[in-house]
PDB file of N, CA and C in Angstrom:
ATOM      1  N   ARG A   1       1.332  10.623  -4.468  1.00  0.00           N
ATOM      2  CA  ARG A   1       2.642  10.186  -4.777  1.00  0.00           C
ATOM      3  C   ARG A   1       3.965  11.305  -5.221  1.00  0.00           C
ATOM      4  N   GLU A   2       4.900  11.352  -4.690  1.00  0.00           N
ATOM      5  CA  GLU A   2       5.622  12.585  -5.148  1.00  0.00           C
ATOM      6  C   GLU A   2       6.896  12.125  -5.748  1.00  0.00           C
ATOM      7  N   SER A   3       7.786  13.264  -5.809  1.00  0.00           N
ATOM      8  CA  SER A   3       9.170  12.838  -6.793  1.00  0.00           C
ATOM      9  C   SER A   3       9.882  11.780  -6.070  1.00  0.00           C
ATOM     10  N   ARG A   4       9.736  11.466  -4.852  1.00  0.00           N
ATOM     11  CA  ARG A   4      10.354  10.531  -4.099  1.00  0.00           C
ATOM     12  C   ARG A   4       9.878   9.082  -4.501  1.00  0.00           C
ATOM     13  N   CYS A   5       8.556   9.150  -4.716  1.00  0.00           N
ATOM     14  CA  CYS A   5       8.216   7.962  -4.936  1.00  0.00           C
ATOM     15  C   CYS A   5       8.184   7.426  -6.300  1.00  0.00           C
ATOM     16  N   LYS A   6       8.763   8.478  -7.034  1.00  0.00           N
ATOM     17  CA  LYS A   6       8.758   8.080  -8.634  1.00  0.00           C
ATOM     18  C   LYS A   6       9.508   6.701  -8.705  1.00  0.00           C
ATOM     19  N   GLU A   7       9.967   6.153  -8.072  1.00  0.00           N
ATOM     20  CA  GLU A   7      10.874   4.858  -8.333  1.00  0.00           C
ATOM     21  C   GLU A   7       9.723   3.556  -8.246  1.00  0.00           C
ATOM     22  N   TRP A   8       8.532   3.915  -7.445  1.00  0.00           N
ATOM     23  CA  TRP A   8       7.827   2.586  -7.519  1.00  0.00           C
ATOM     24  C   TRP A   8       6.328   3.326  -8.200  1.00  0.00           C
ATOM     25  N   GLU A   9       6.704   4.399  -8.963  1.00  0.00           N
ATOM     26  CA  GLU A   9       5.465   5.066  -9.419  1.00  0.00           C
ATOM     27  C   GLU A   9       4.169   3.925  -9.707  1.00  0.00           C
ATOM     28  N   PRO A  10       4.681   2.699 -10.553  1.00  0.00           N
ATOM     29  CA  PRO A  10       3.581   1.809 -11.287  1.00  0.00           C
ATOM     30  C   PRO A  10       2.839   0.906  -9.954  1.00  0.00           C
ATOM     31  N   ALA A  11       3.189   1.264  -8.932  1.00  0.00           N
ATOM     32  CA  ALA A  11       2.319   0.645  -7.700  1.00  0.00           C
ATOM     33  C   ALA A  11       1.551   1.875  -7.187  1.00  0.00           C
ATOM     34  N   ASN A  12       1.235   3.037  -8.120  1.00  0.00           N
ATOM     35  CA  ASN A  12       0.432   4.106  -7.774  1.00  0.00           C
ATOM     36  C   ASN A  12      -1.118   3.576  -7.342  1.00  0.00           C
ATOM     37  N   GLU A  13      -1.310   2.339  -8.081  1.00  0.00           N
ATOM     38  CA  GLU A  13      -2.541   2.615  -7.904  1.00  0.00           C
ATOM     39  C   GLU A  13      -3.141   2.091  -6.607  1.00  0.00           C
ATOM     40  N   LYS A  14      -2.603   1.501  -6.029  1.00  0.00           N
ATOM     41  CA  LYS A  14      -2.800   1.237  -4.057  1.00  0.00           C
ATOM     42  C   LYS A  14      -2.144   2.483  -3.315  1.00  0.00           C
ATOM     43  N   ASN A  15      -1.047   2.886  -3.766  1.00  0.00           N
ATOM     44  CA  ASN A  15      -0.137   3.785  -2.630  1.00  0.00           C
ATOM     45  C   ASN A  15      -0.535   5.428  -3.412  1.00  0.00           C
ATOM     46  N   ALA A  16      -1.629   5.552  -4.200  1.00  0.00           N
ATOM     47  CA  ALA A  16      -1.784   6.968  -4.490  1.00  0.00           C
ATOM     48  C   ALA A  16      -1.608   8.013  -3.700  1.00  0.00           C
ATOM     49  N   ASP A  17      -1.833   7.411  -2.412  1.00  0.00           N
ATOM     50  CA  ASP A  17      -1.983   8.558  -1.335  1.00  0.00           C
ATOM     51  C   ASP A  17      -0.612   8.720  -0.878  1.00  0.00           C
ATOM     52  N   THR A  18       0.105   8.035  -0.932  1.00  0.00           N
ATOM     53  CA  THR A  18       1.592   7.904  -0.332  1.00  0.00           C
ATOM     54  C   THR A  18       2.340   8.452  -1.484  1.00  0.00           C
TER      55      THR A  18
END
């Protein structure tokens, strides 16, 4: 996850690679 992903950061549990 990168700066662009910070908006959905809480979902990183399943998108940690994205």
